[in-house]
Protein backbone atom coordinates (compact mmCIF):
# COMPACT_ATOMS: atom_id res chain seq x y z
CA UNK A 1 0.00 0.00 0.00
CA UNK A 2 1.45 3.36 -0.99
CA UNK A 3 1.63 6.50 1.13
CA UNK A 4 -1.53 8.27 -0.12
CA UNK A 5 -3.59 5.15 0.64
CA UNK A 6 -2.06 4.86 4.10
CA UNK A 7 -2.84 8.51 4.77
CA UNK A 8 -6.42 7.90 3.65
CA UNK A 9 -6.66 4.92 6.03
CA UNK A 10 -5.30 7.11 8.82
CA UNK A 11 -7.91 9.77 8.02
CA UNK A 12 -10.72 7.19 8.15
CA UNK A 13 -9.39 5.94 11.49
CA UNK A 14 -9.32 9.52 12.80
CA UNK A 15 -12.89 10.09 11.60
CA UNK A 16 -13.88 6.88 13.35
CA UNK A 17 -12.30 8.06 16.60
CA UNK A 18 -14.16 11.35 16.36
CA UNK A 19 -17.33 9.52 15.36
CA UNK A 20 -17.34 7.53 18.58
CA UNK A 21 -17.97 10.76 20.46
CA UNK A 22 -20.82 11.94 18.21
CA UNK A 23 -24.20 10.25 18.68
CA UNK A 24 -25.44 8.55 15.55
CA UNK A 25 -22.06 8.29 13.82
CA UNK A 26 -20.78 4.70 13.53
CA UNK A 27 -17.25 5.42 14.74
CA UNK A 28 -16.43 1.85 15.68
CA UNK A 29 -17.59 0.62 12.29
CA UNK A 30 -15.42 3.19 10.53
CA UNK A 31 -12.36 2.04 12.48
CA UNK A 32 -13.15 -1.61 11.75
CA UNK A 33 -13.78 -0.90 8.04
CA UNK A 34 -10.47 0.94 7.72
CA UNK A 35 -8.58 -1.97 9.30
CA UNK A 36 -10.43 -4.44 7.07
CA UNK A 37 -9.69 -2.42 3.93
CA UNK A 38 -6.03 -2.18 4.92
CA UNK A 39 -5.83 -5.93 5.63
CA UNK A 40 -7.43 -6.78 2.28
CA UNK A 41 -4.83 -4.66 0.47
CA UNK A 42 -1.83 -5.50 2.63
CA UNK A 43 -2.38 -9.30 2.65
CA UNK A 44 0.22 -10.00 5.31
CA UNK A 45 -0.06 -12.16 8.39
CA UNK A 46 0.26 -9.08 10.60
CA UNK A 47 -2.65 -7.43 8.79
CA UNK A 48 -4.88 -10.50 9.14
CA UNK A 49 -4.02 -10.94 12.82
CA UNK A 50 -4.83 -7.28 13.43
CA UNK A 51 -8.17 -7.62 11.62
CA UNK A 52 -9.14 -10.71 13.62
CA UNK A 53 -8.04 -9.10 16.90
CA UNK A 54 -9.93 -5.91 16.04
CA UNK A 55 -13.08 -7.89 15.27
CA UNK A 56 -12.79 -9.83 18.53
CA UNK A 57 -12.14 -6.71 20.59
CA UNK A 58 -15.08 -4.85 19.07
CA UNK A 59 -17.39 -7.80 19.69
CA UNK A 60 -16.36 -7.83 23.36
CA UNK A 61 -16.80 -4.05 23.56
CA UNK A 62 -20.31 -4.32 22.11
CA UNK A 63 -21.26 -6.89 24.73
CA UNK A 64 -19.86 -4.67 27.50
CA UNK A 65 -21.70 -1.64 26.13
CA UNK A 66 -24.97 -3.59 25.91
CA UNK A 67 -24.67 -4.95 29.44
CA UNK A 68 -23.23 -2.20 31.62
CA UNK A 69 -24.98 1.06 30.68
CA UNK A 70 -28.57 -0.24 30.94
CA UNK A 71 -27.89 -1.18 34.54
CA UNK A 72 -26.33 2.20 35.26
CA UNK A 73 -29.07 4.03 33.38
CA UNK A 74 -31.82 2.23 35.30
CA UNK A 75 -30.03 3.20 38.50
CA UNK A 76 -30.23 6.92 37.68
CA UNK A 77 -33.93 6.77 36.76
CA UNK A 78 -34.04 6.76 32.98
CA UNK A 79 -37.58 6.24 31.73
CA UNK A 80 -39.27 6.06 28.32
CA UNK A 81 -40.29 9.72 28.24
CA UNK A 82 -36.69 10.77 28.85
CA UNK A 83 -35.49 8.56 26.00
CA UNK A 84 -38.09 10.09 23.66
CA UNK A 85 -37.17 13.65 24.71
CA UNK A 86 -33.43 12.95 24.41
CA UNK A 87 -33.82 11.30 21.00
CA UNK A 88 -36.00 14.12 19.72
CA UNK A 89 -33.57 16.70 21.05
CA UNK A 90 -30.63 14.94 19.41
CA UNK A 91 -32.49 14.75 16.09
CA UNK A 92 -33.49 18.41 16.21
CA UNK A 93 -29.97 19.42 17.24
CA UNK A 94 -28.52 17.36 14.39
CA UNK A 95 -30.81 19.09 11.88
CA UNK A 96 -30.36 22.61 13.26
CA UNK A 97 -26.58 22.38 13.74
CA UNK A 98 -25.42 19.53 11.48
CA UNK A 99 -23.62 16.66 13.24
CA UNK A 100 -22.33 18.46 16.35
CA UNK A 101 -25.78 19.71 17.32
CA UNK A 102 -26.84 16.19 18.28
CA UNK A 103 -24.92 16.32 21.56
CA UNK A 104 -26.42 19.54 22.95
CA UNK A 105 -29.80 18.46 21.60
CA UNK A 106 -29.54 15.18 23.50
CA UNK A 107 -28.56 16.93 26.73
CA UNK A 108 -31.31 19.51 26.25
CA UNK A 109 -33.89 16.77 25.73
CA UNK A 110 -32.83 15.02 28.93
CA UNK A 111 -32.98 18.32 30.81
CA UNK A 112 -36.48 19.16 29.51
CA UNK A 113 -37.76 15.72 30.44
CA UNK A 114 -36.32 15.93 33.94
CA UNK A 115 -37.41 19.53 34.47
CA UNK A 116 -40.95 18.55 33.53
CA UNK A 117 -40.86 15.47 35.78
CA UNK A 118 -39.04 16.93 38.80
CA UNK A 119 -40.11 20.56 38.62
CA UNK A 120 -36.96 22.34 39.76
CA UNK A 121 -33.85 23.40 37.87
CA UNK A 122 -31.41 22.02 40.46
CA UNK A 123 -32.92 18.52 40.57
CA UNK A 124 -33.17 18.39 36.78
CA UNK A 125 -29.53 19.44 36.44
CA UNK A 126 -28.40 16.79 38.93
CA UNK A 127 -30.34 14.17 37.00
CA UNK A 128 -28.78 15.29 33.70
CA UNK A 129 -25.30 14.94 35.23
CA UNK A 130 -26.08 11.41 36.43
CA UNK A 131 -27.42 10.40 33.01
CA UNK A 132 -24.42 11.90 31.22
CA UNK A 133 -22.03 10.00 33.50
CA UNK A 134 -23.84 6.74 32.73
CA UNK A 135 -23.84 7.41 28.98
CA UNK A 136 -20.25 8.65 29.11
CA UNK A 137 -19.05 5.30 30.44
CA UNK A 138 -20.12 3.49 27.29
CA UNK A 139 -18.57 6.18 25.09
CA UNK A 140 -15.26 5.92 26.96
CA UNK A 141 -15.20 2.11 26.66
CA UNK A 142 -15.80 2.36 22.91
CA UNK A 143 -13.26 5.16 22.49
CA UNK A 144 -10.59 3.24 24.39
CA UNK A 145 -11.09 0.19 22.17
CA UNK A 146 -10.85 2.33 19.03
CA UNK A 147 -7.69 4.01 20.33
CA UNK A 148 -6.11 0.61 21.04
CA UNK A 149 -6.93 -0.57 17.51
CA UNK A 150 -5.62 2.66 15.96
CA UNK A 151 -2.37 2.39 17.92
CA UNK A 152 -1.99 -1.24 16.85
CA UNK A 153 -2.59 -0.26 13.23
CA UNK A 154 0.03 2.51 13.43
CA UNK A 155 2.48 0.01 14.94
CA UNK A 156 1.75 -2.54 12.20
CA UNK A 157 2.18 0.07 9.46
CA UNK A 158 5.49 1.24 10.91
CA UNK A 159 6.64 -2.38 11.25
CA UNK A 160 6.06 -3.19 7.57
């Protein structure tokens, strides 16, 4: 693989890392697709081992993400109305301020739901912080896995 293609792979990996932190963007899938594309073109044992390890790691991460946050979210009092408000806020934020607006829209939706349910600003704000901590855990787990894969890819590229 020549230098422009490697730089393109690095750019896709970077976009995947950034995508992990933006709701609705498949950051993990972008990282995995970049590693797969590189492995298909590189055709070395190192590339195939990295692809298999990446696939295994991301499968484990998905299981962890599916299991841990729902328990934490139930513990902070997430209910269906909050999910609807947060999803609607993220969608509106995404439309009003493309891509990056989803995050403040999500937080605003959670705040509106909690303000309506609890009545006071202080209690709603405390609830928003608890929800963001619970959601942030899953984002950090996914980001750490993507960073590990990206570092392994950089090491494999420098090795070959």
